[in-house]
Amino acid sequence: MNDSLLPFTPDQPDRPDLRAHYDAMWTGAWPHVAAGVVDLETHLTGGRDPGRGLTVIARPGPALAARCAAVQDRIVAAGGPAQIPQAQADLHLTVLSLFSVTDEFAPHLAYGDAYAAGVREAVAGLPAFDVDFTGITISRGAVVACGFPRDDTLAVLRAGLRDALRARGLGATLDERYRLVTAHMTLLRFASPPRDPAGLTAALTELRDAPLGTMRVDAVELVVNDWYMSSEALEVVERLALTGRDGDR
């Protein structure tokens, strides 16, 4: 996928609903992170995750991934080396989780052909689209890059996936944890309390509105994945190009 390091320009539509969502995440987590009280992903260092899920994702291109890596380096330098940045090869935007990671994944994967057919149906005719990444937000357990789609294609794709899978009797596992509306990429998870909370919060504040670039989503991947979308566990089931023109939607 191609991307650009240029921030989005004022004539491109903003997404105030997403901005409010990212701001609410920041506001809710800030007092805890500033005090060094974070949710630790300690099992990140405890070996491979045995669970698997099925997800539709999009990948950033190399320029956007490199800019994200620079942001990760800045946060790790402030928060301590034990923090776990998402590897560049593992960076992704979740289009939709078809079933969440579970140790009991075999019964779900038995319907793999039906899942794949539903994804193909939802993708058919959709055009490529752009997601602008500007700034970061936080939860108590992670730092994420804030994405802002320029149009409604991502929302249309998610709705199409939900409809196609429910029509095949596969809707029960959709939106199990929460209904996905954002377009974020996870950059880092906390694996230990920050060694210098004041330094970490200074770095996060500095990066909060930093322009990162644009992801051109011209293909999506249907993947079997662990919780962290790590390359060593990931299996690409199918890669589907978005080939429709704007007028075809």
C-alpha atoms as a PDB file:
ATOM      1  CA  MET A   1       0.000   0.000   0.000  1.00  0.00           C
ATOM      2  CA  ASN A   2       1.194   3.462  -0.756  1.00  0.00           C
ATOM      3  CA  ASP A   3       1.292   6.237   1.758  1.00  0.00           C
ATOM      4  CA  SER A   4       2.428   9.803   2.112  1.00  0.00           C
ATOM      5  CA  LEU A   5       4.085  11.658   4.941  1.00  0.00           C
ATOM      6  CA  LEU A   6       2.078  14.774   4.148  1.00  0.00           C
ATOM      7  CA  PRO A   7      -0.529  15.672   6.791  1.00  0.00           C
ATOM      8  CA  PHE A   8      -4.082  16.104   5.591  1.00  0.00           C
ATOM      9  CA  THR A   9      -4.934  19.584   4.371  1.00  0.00           C
ATOM     10  CA  PRO A  10      -7.754  21.828   5.621  1.00  0.00           C
ATOM     11  CA  ASP A  11      -9.954  21.149   2.608  1.00  0.00           C
ATOM     12  CA  GLN A  12     -10.114  17.442   3.471  1.00  0.00           C
ATOM     13  CA  PRO A  13     -13.065  16.488   5.687  1.00  0.00           C
ATOM     14  CA  ASP A  14     -12.271  16.097   9.360  1.00  0.00           C
ATOM     15  CA  ARG A  15     -14.042  13.495  11.473  1.00  0.00           C
ATOM     16  CA  PRO A  16     -15.115  15.336  14.646  1.00  0.00           C
ATOM     17  CA  ASP A  17     -16.813  12.202  15.965  1.00  0.00           C
ATOM     18  CA  LEU A  18     -13.529  10.301  15.829  1.00  0.00           C
ATOM     19  CA  ARG A  19     -11.590  13.218  17.259  1.00  0.00           C
ATOM     20  CA  ALA A  20     -14.005  13.339  20.192  1.00  0.00           C
ATOM     21  CA  HIS A  21     -13.558   9.597  20.686  1.00  0.00           C
ATOM     22  CA  TYR A  22      -9.763   9.851  20.687  1.00  0.00           C
ATOM     23  CA  ASP A  23      -9.913  12.865  23.014  1.00  0.00           C
ATOM     24  CA  ALA A  24     -12.146  10.946  25.422  1.00  0.00           C
ATOM     25  CA  MET A  25      -9.657   8.075  25.467  1.00  0.00           C
ATOM     26  CA  TRP A  26      -6.857  10.518  26.276  1.00  0.00           C
ATOM     27  CA  THR A  27      -8.820  12.273  29.009  1.00  0.00           C
ATOM     28  CA  GLY A  28      -9.838   9.022  30.670  1.00  0.00           C
ATOM     29  CA  ALA A  29      -6.353   7.482  30.682  1.00  0.00           C
ATOM     30  CA  TRP A  30      -4.244  10.583  31.286  1.00  0.00           C
ATOM     31  CA  PRO A  31      -4.446  10.780  35.117  1.00  0.00           C
ATOM     32  CA  HIS A  32      -3.436   7.134  35.419  1.00  0.00           C
ATOM     33  CA  VAL A  33      -0.590   7.210  32.884  1.00  0.00           C
ATOM     34  CA  ALA A  34       0.698  10.489  34.336  1.00  0.00           C
ATOM     35  CA  ALA A  35       0.858   8.794  37.744  1.00  0.00           C
ATOM     36  CA  GLY A  36       2.646   5.766  36.287  1.00  0.00           C
ATOM     37  CA  VAL A  37      -0.372   3.530  36.878  1.00  0.00           C
ATOM     38  CA  VAL A  38      -0.749   1.576  33.647  1.00  0.00           C
ATOM     39  CA  ASP A  39      -2.307  -1.726  32.636  1.00  0.00           C
ATOM     40  CA  LEU A  40       0.587  -4.105  32.013  1.00  0.00           C
ATOM     41  CA  GLU A  41       0.740  -6.583  29.155  1.00  0.00           C
ATOM     42  CA  THR A  42       3.140  -8.791  31.118  1.00  0.00           C
ATOM     43  CA  HIS A  43       2.407 -11.901  29.041  1.00  0.00           C
ATOM     44  CA  LEU A  44       3.930 -10.157  26.027  1.00  0.00           C
ATOM     45  CA  THR A  45       7.273 -11.307  27.385  1.00  0.00           C
ATOM     46  CA  GLY A  46       6.026 -14.733  28.473  1.00  0.00           C
ATOM     47  CA  GLY A  47       6.039 -16.608  25.166  1.00  0.00           C
ATOM     48  CA  ARG A  48       3.693 -16.971  22.241  1.00  0.00           C
ATOM     49  CA  ASP A  49      -0.034 -16.447  22.534  1.00  0.00           C
ATOM     50  CA  PRO A  50      -1.696 -19.817  21.792  1.00  0.00           C
ATOM     51  CA  GLY A  51      -5.040 -18.250  20.892  1.00  0.00           C
ATOM     52  CA  ARG A  52      -6.166 -17.357  17.400  1.00  0.00           C
ATOM     53  CA  GLY A  53      -8.764 -15.081  15.850  1.00  0.00           C
ATOM     54  CA  LEU A  54      -9.878 -14.118  12.354  1.00  0.00           C
ATOM     55  CA  THR A  55      -9.560 -10.496  11.285  1.00  0.00           C
ATOM     56  CA  VAL A  56      -9.712  -8.233   8.248  1.00  0.00           C
ATOM     57  CA  ILE A  57      -6.840  -5.745   8.364  1.00  0.00           C
ATOM     58  CA  ALA A  58      -5.104  -3.090   6.281  1.00  0.00           C
ATOM     59  CA  ARG A  59      -1.371  -2.404   6.330  1.00  0.00           C
ATOM     60  CA  PRO A  60       0.537   0.893   6.244  1.00  0.00           C
ATOM     61  CA  GLY A  61       3.152   1.422   3.585  1.00  0.00           C
ATOM     62  CA  PRO A  62       6.857   1.747   4.454  1.00  0.00           C
ATOM     63  CA  ALA A  63       6.961   5.532   4.792  1.00  0.00           C
ATOM     64  CA  LEU A  64       4.080   5.680   7.278  1.00  0.00           C
ATOM     65  CA  ALA A  65       5.481   2.671   9.141  1.00  0.00           C
ATOM     66  CA  ALA A  66       8.846   4.421   9.427  1.00  0.00           C
ATOM     67  CA  ARG A  67       7.222   7.562  10.822  1.00  0.00           C
ATOM     68  CA  CYS A  68       5.347   5.411  13.359  1.00  0.00           C
ATOM     69  CA  ALA A  69       8.632   3.755  14.322  1.00  0.00           C
ATOM     70  CA  ALA A  70      10.141   7.155  15.082  1.00  0.00           C
ATOM     71  CA  VAL A  71       7.205   7.913  17.370  1.00  0.00           C
ATOM     72  CA  GLN A  72       7.642   4.534  19.053  1.00  0.00           C
ATOM     73  CA  ASP A  73      11.348   5.203  19.638  1.00  0.00           C
ATOM     74  CA  ARG A  74      10.552   8.532  21.288  1.00  0.00           C
ATOM     75  CA  ILE A  75       8.005   6.948  23.634  1.00  0.00           C
ATOM     76  CA  VAL A  76      10.236   3.984  24.522  1.00  0.00           C
ATOM     77  CA  ALA A  77      13.115   6.353  25.276  1.00  0.00           C
ATOM     78  CA  ALA A  78      10.876   8.212  27.715  1.00  0.00           C
ATOM     79  CA  GLY A  79       8.986   5.250  29.183  1.00  0.00           C
ATOM     80  CA  GLY A  80      11.736   2.688  29.526  1.00  0.00           C
ATOM     81  CA  PRO A  81      13.145  -0.160  27.418  1.00  0.00           C
ATOM     82  CA  ALA A  82      10.697  -2.730  28.804  1.00  0.00           C
ATOM     83  CA  GLN A  83       7.802  -1.120  26.907  1.00  0.00           C
ATOM     84  CA  ILE A  84       6.771  -3.142  23.859  1.00  0.00           C
ATOM     85  CA  PRO A  85       6.424  -1.295  20.546  1.00  0.00           C
ATOM     86  CA  GLN A  86       4.465  -2.968  17.782  1.00  0.00           C
ATOM     87  CA  ALA A  87       6.990  -4.250  15.243  1.00  0.00           C
ATOM     88  CA  GLN A  88       6.920  -2.348  11.958  1.00  0.00           C
ATOM     89  CA  ALA A  89       5.951  -5.551  10.140  1.00  0.00           C
ATOM     90  CA  ASP A  90       3.009  -5.985  12.518  1.00  0.00           C
ATOM     91  CA  LEU A  91       1.512  -2.488  12.266  1.00  0.00           C
ATOM     92  CA  HIS A  92      -2.059  -2.626  11.035  1.00  0.00           C
ATOM     93  CA  LEU A  93      -5.458  -1.017  10.988  1.00  0.00           C
ATOM     94  CA  THR A  94      -8.210  -3.413  12.047  1.00  0.00           C
ATOM     95  CA  VAL A  95     -11.057  -3.245   9.560  1.00  0.00           C
ATOM     96  CA  LEU A  96     -13.118  -5.778  11.517  1.00  0.00           C
ATOM     97  CA  SER A  97     -12.537  -8.681  13.902  1.00  0.00           C
ATOM     98  CA  LEU A  98     -14.617 -11.579  12.596  1.00  0.00           C
ATOM     99  CA  PHE A  99     -14.085 -13.520  15.798  1.00  0.00           C
ATOM    100  CA  SER A 100     -11.912 -12.434  18.698  1.00  0.00           C
ATOM    101  CA  VAL A 101      -8.797 -14.337  19.699  1.00  0.00           C
ATOM    102  CA  THR A 102      -9.688 -17.459  21.667  1.00  0.00           C
ATOM    103  CA  ASP A 103      -8.008 -20.724  22.625  1.00  0.00           C
ATOM    104  CA  GLU A 104     -11.083 -22.499  21.236  1.00  0.00           C
ATOM    105  CA  PHE A 105     -10.637 -21.291  17.677  1.00  0.00           C
ATOM    106  CA  ALA A 106     -10.907 -24.569  15.730  1.00  0.00           C
ATOM    107  CA  PRO A 107     -14.757 -24.615  15.580  1.00  0.00           C
ATOM    108  CA  HIS A 108     -14.725 -21.080  14.156  1.00  0.00           C
ATOM    109  CA  LEU A 109     -12.022 -21.798  11.595  1.00  0.00           C
ATOM    110  CA  ALA A 110     -14.063 -24.779  10.380  1.00  0.00           C
ATOM    111  CA  TYR A 111     -16.223 -22.127   8.675  1.00  0.00           C
ATOM    112  CA  GLY A 112     -13.202 -20.543   7.007  1.00  0.00           C
ATOM    113  CA  ASP A 113     -14.585 -20.863   3.475  1.00  0.00           C
ATOM    114  CA  ALA A 114     -17.831 -19.122   4.458  1.00  0.00           C
ATOM    115  CA  TYR A 115     -15.932 -16.321   6.207  1.00  0.00           C
ATOM    116  CA  ALA A 116     -13.744 -15.821   3.132  1.00  0.00           C
ATOM    117  CA  ALA A 117     -16.768 -15.756   0.823  1.00  0.00           C
ATOM    118  CA  GLY A 118     -18.416 -13.108   2.990  1.00  0.00           C
ATOM    119  CA  VAL A 119     -15.300 -10.955   2.955  1.00  0.00           C
ATOM    120  CA  ARG A 120     -15.024 -11.229  -0.827  1.00  0.00           C
ATOM    121  CA  GLU A 121     -18.669 -10.170  -1.174  1.00  0.00           C
ATOM    122  CA  ALA A 122     -18.190  -7.128   1.073  1.00  0.00           C
ATOM    123  CA  VAL A 123     -15.023  -5.979  -0.688  1.00  0.00           C
ATOM    124  CA  ALA A 124     -16.317  -6.411  -4.235  1.00  0.00           C
ATOM    125  CA  GLY A 125     -16.662  -3.097  -6.059  1.00  0.00           C
ATOM    126  CA  LEU A 126     -15.301  -0.908  -3.260  1.00  0.00           C
ATOM    127  CA  PRO A 127     -12.686   1.702  -4.195  1.00  0.00           C
ATOM    128  CA  ALA A 128      -9.372   2.324  -2.507  1.00  0.00           C
ATOM    129  CA  PHE A 129      -9.544   4.913   0.252  1.00  0.00           C
ATOM    130  CA  ASP A 130      -7.272   7.081   2.386  1.00  0.00           C
ATOM    131  CA  VAL A 131      -6.866   7.268   6.160  1.00  0.00           C
ATOM    132  CA  ASP A 132      -4.930  10.256   7.517  1.00  0.00           C
ATOM    133  CA  PHE A 133      -2.966   9.623  10.692  1.00  0.00           C
ATOM    134  CA  THR A 134      -2.442  12.636  12.901  1.00  0.00           C
ATOM    135  CA  GLY A 135      -1.294  12.419  16.489  1.00  0.00           C
ATOM    136  CA  ILE A 136      -1.645   9.811  19.181  1.00  0.00           C
ATOM    137  CA  THR A 137      -3.985   8.933  21.988  1.00  0.00           C
ATOM    138  CA  ILE A 138      -3.661   6.602  24.937  1.00  0.00           C
ATOM    139  CA  SER A 139      -5.454   4.028  27.013  1.00  0.00           C
ATOM    140  CA  ARG A 140      -4.181   2.724  30.316  1.00  0.00           C
ATOM    141  CA  GLY A 141      -2.477  -0.092  28.441  1.00  0.00           C
ATOM    142  CA  ALA A 142      -1.408   1.274  25.090  1.00  0.00           C
ATOM    143  CA  VAL A 143      -0.478   4.176  22.830  1.00  0.00           C
ATOM    144  CA  VAL A 144      -2.228   4.353  19.463  1.00  0.00           C
ATOM    145  CA  ALA A 145      -1.975   6.454  16.321  1.00  0.00           C
ATOM    146  CA  CYS A 146      -5.187   8.340  15.509  1.00  0.00           C
ATOM    147  CA  GLY A 147      -6.607   7.661  12.064  1.00  0.00           C
ATOM    148  CA  PHE A 148      -9.178   9.776  10.239  1.00  0.00           C
ATOM    149  CA  PRO A 149     -10.744   8.309   7.067  1.00  0.00           C
ATOM    150  CA  ARG A 150     -11.293  10.918   4.362  1.00  0.00           C
ATOM    151  CA  ASP A 151     -14.619   9.431   3.306  1.00  0.00           C
ATOM    152  CA  ASP A 152     -17.097   6.761   4.364  1.00  0.00           C
ATOM    153  CA  THR A 153     -15.573   3.796   2.499  1.00  0.00           C
ATOM    154  CA  LEU A 154     -14.210   2.188   5.671  1.00  0.00           C
ATOM    155  CA  ALA A 155     -17.630   2.482   7.336  1.00  0.00           C
ATOM    156  CA  VAL A 156     -19.286   1.037   4.211  1.00  0.00           C
ATOM    157  CA  LEU A 157     -16.825  -1.855   4.196  1.00  0.00           C
ATOM    158  CA  ARG A 158     -17.450  -2.632   7.863  1.00  0.00           C
ATOM    159  CA  ALA A 159     -21.207  -2.539   7.359  1.00  0.00           C
ATOM    160  CA  GLY A 160     -20.880  -4.782   4.315  1.00  0.00           C
ATOM    161  CA  LEU A 161     -18.796  -7.288   6.249  1.00  0.00           C
ATOM    162  CA  ARG A 162     -21.321  -7.405   9.078  1.00  0.00           C
ATOM    163  CA  ASP A 163     -24.211  -7.893   6.644  1.00  0.00           C
ATOM    164  CA  ALA A 164     -22.439 -10.549   4.558  1.00  0.00           C
ATOM    165  CA  LEU A 165     -21.377 -12.579   7.577  1.00  0.00           C
ATOM    166  CA  ARG A 166     -24.737 -12.368   9.330  1.00  0.00           C
ATOM    167  CA  ALA A 167     -26.378 -13.578   6.117  1.00  0.00           C
ATOM    168  CA  ARG A 168     -24.148 -16.659   6.368  1.00  0.00           C
ATOM    169  CA  GLY A 169     -24.993 -17.287  10.019  1.00  0.00           C
ATOM    170  CA  LEU A 170     -21.619 -15.977  11.205  1.00  0.00           C
ATOM    171  CA  GLY A 171     -22.746 -12.817  12.967  1.00  0.00           C
ATOM    172  CA  ALA A 172     -22.708 -14.034  16.562  1.00  0.00           C
ATOM    173  CA  THR A 173     -19.007 -13.341  17.067  1.00  0.00           C
ATOM    174  CA  LEU A 174     -18.959  -9.865  15.509  1.00  0.00           C
ATOM    175  CA  ASP A 175     -18.363  -6.849  17.778  1.00  0.00           C
ATOM    176  CA  GLU A 176     -17.992  -9.127  20.820  1.00  0.00           C
ATOM    177  CA  ARG A 177     -15.779  -6.721  22.761  1.00  0.00           C
ATOM    178  CA  TYR A 178     -17.037  -3.419  21.362  1.00  0.00           C
ATOM    179  CA  ARG A 179     -18.395  -2.043  18.115  1.00  0.00           C
ATOM    180  CA  LEU A 180     -15.372  -0.864  16.146  1.00  0.00           C
ATOM    181  CA  VAL A 181     -15.704   2.684  14.839  1.00  0.00           C
ATOM    182  CA  THR A 182     -12.156   4.060  15.010  1.00  0.00           C
ATOM    183  CA  ALA A 183      -9.341   3.802  12.474  1.00  0.00           C
ATOM    184  CA  HIS A 184      -6.380   3.578  14.840  1.00  0.00           C
ATOM    185  CA  MET A 185      -3.115   1.668  14.805  1.00  0.00           C
ATOM    186  CA  THR A 186      -1.637   0.368  18.058  1.00  0.00           C
ATOM    187  CA  LEU A 187       1.936   1.627  18.403  1.00  0.00           C
ATOM    188  CA  LEU A 188       3.016   0.442  21.853  1.00  0.00           C
ATOM    189  CA  ARG A 189       1.817  -1.542  24.848  1.00  0.00           C
ATOM    190  CA  PHE A 190       3.026  -1.100  28.392  1.00  0.00           C
ATOM    191  CA  ALA A 191       4.877  -4.115  29.764  1.00  0.00           C
ATOM    192  CA  SER A 192       6.242  -2.414  32.894  1.00  0.00           C
ATOM    193  CA  PRO A 193       5.472   0.748  34.875  1.00  0.00           C
ATOM    194  CA  PRO A 194       7.162   3.747  33.208  1.00  0.00           C
ATOM    195  CA  ARG A 195      10.467   4.520  34.865  1.00  0.00           C
ATOM    196  CA  ASP A 196       9.873   8.261  34.517  1.00  0.00           C
ATOM    197  CA  PRO A 197       6.142   9.105  34.346  1.00  0.00           C
ATOM    198  CA  ALA A 198       6.856  12.819  33.981  1.00  0.00           C
ATOM    199  CA  GLY A 199       9.203  12.187  31.056  1.00  0.00           C
ATOM    200  CA  LEU A 200       6.716   9.835  29.452  1.00  0.00           C
ATOM    201  CA  THR A 201       3.838  12.277  29.731  1.00  0.00           C
ATOM    202  CA  ALA A 202       6.034  15.045  28.303  1.00  0.00           C
ATOM    203  CA  ALA A 203       6.795  12.836  25.286  1.00  0.00           C
ATOM    204  CA  LEU A 204       3.138  11.883  24.842  1.00  0.00           C
ATOM    205  CA  THR A 205       2.088  15.545  25.004  1.00  0.00           C
ATOM    206  CA  GLU A 206       4.737  16.460  22.432  1.00  0.00           C
ATOM    207  CA  LEU A 207       3.453  13.785  20.065  1.00  0.00           C
ATOM    208  CA  ARG A 208      -0.265  14.233  20.636  1.00  0.00           C
ATOM    209  CA  ASP A 209      -0.864  16.209  17.429  1.00  0.00           C
ATOM    210  CA  ALA A 210       2.174  15.126  15.406  1.00  0.00           C
ATOM    211  CA  PRO A 211       1.403  14.526  11.700  1.00  0.00           C
ATOM    212  CA  LEU A 212       2.221  10.934  10.761  1.00  0.00           C
ATOM    213  CA  GLY A 213       1.032  10.555   7.188  1.00  0.00           C
ATOM    214  CA  THR A 214      -1.612   8.870   5.076  1.00  0.00           C
ATOM    215  CA  MET A 215      -2.422   5.214   4.580  1.00  0.00           C
ATOM    216  CA  ARG A 216      -3.690   4.428   1.100  1.00  0.00           C
ATOM    217  CA  VAL A 217      -5.870   1.351   1.582  1.00  0.00           C
ATOM    218  CA  ASP A 218      -5.947  -0.344  -1.796  1.00  0.00           C
ATOM    219  CA  ALA A 219      -6.137  -3.884  -0.430  1.00  0.00           C
ATOM    220  CA  VAL A 220      -7.187  -5.683   2.730  1.00  0.00           C
ATOM    221  CA  GLU A 221      -6.054  -8.991   4.189  1.00  0.00           C
ATOM    222  CA  LEU A 222      -8.093 -11.723   5.830  1.00  0.00           C
ATOM    223  CA  VAL A 223      -5.764 -13.182   8.450  1.00  0.00           C
ATOM    224  CA  VAL A 224      -5.653 -15.746  11.213  1.00  0.00           C
ATOM    225  CA  ASN A 225      -3.905 -13.951  14.069  1.00  0.00           C
ATOM    226  CA  ASP A 226      -2.902 -13.965  17.702  1.00  0.00           C
ATOM    227  CA  TRP A 227      -3.870 -11.157  20.098  1.00  0.00           C
ATOM    228  CA  TYR A 228      -0.951  -8.964  19.027  1.00  0.00           C
ATOM    229  CA  MET A 229      -1.116  -9.583  15.263  1.00  0.00           C
ATOM    230  CA  SER A 230       2.484 -10.812  15.492  1.00  0.00           C
ATOM    231  CA  SER A 231       4.136 -11.937  12.281  1.00  0.00           C
ATOM    232  CA  GLU A 232       5.322 -15.258  13.678  1.00  0.00           C
ATOM    233  CA  ALA A 233       1.729 -16.294  14.408  1.00  0.00           C
ATOM    234  CA  LEU A 234      -0.065 -14.636  11.495  1.00  0.00           C
ATOM    235  CA  GLU A 235      -1.427 -16.551   8.510  1.00  0.00           C
ATOM    236  CA  VAL A 236      -2.731 -14.626   5.508  1.00  0.00           C
ATOM    237  CA  VAL A 237      -5.834 -16.423   4.274  1.00  0.00           C
ATOM    238  CA  GLU A 238      -6.546 -14.083   1.391  1.00  0.00           C
ATOM    239  CA  ARG A 239      -5.490 -10.666   0.123  1.00  0.00           C
ATOM    240  CA  LEU A 240      -8.212  -8.708  -1.660  1.00  0.00           C
ATOM    241  CA  ALA A 241      -7.694  -5.608  -3.774  1.00  0.00           C
ATOM    242  CA  LEU A 242     -10.091  -2.672  -3.639  1.00  0.00           C
ATOM    243  CA  THR A 243     -10.567  -2.046  -7.335  1.00  0.00           C
ATOM    244  CA  GLY A 244     -13.883  -0.205  -7.688  1.00  0.00           C
ATOM    245  CA  ARG A 245     -14.072   3.396  -8.784  1.00  0.00           C
ATOM    246  CA  ASP A 246     -15.617   6.114  -6.653  1.00  0.00           C
ATOM    247  CA  GLY A 247     -18.741   6.151  -8.779  1.00  0.00           C
ATOM    248  CA  ASP A 248     -19.287   2.414  -8.333  1.00  0.00           C
ATOM    249  CA  ARG A 249     -20.282   2.541  -4.667  1.00  0.00           C
END
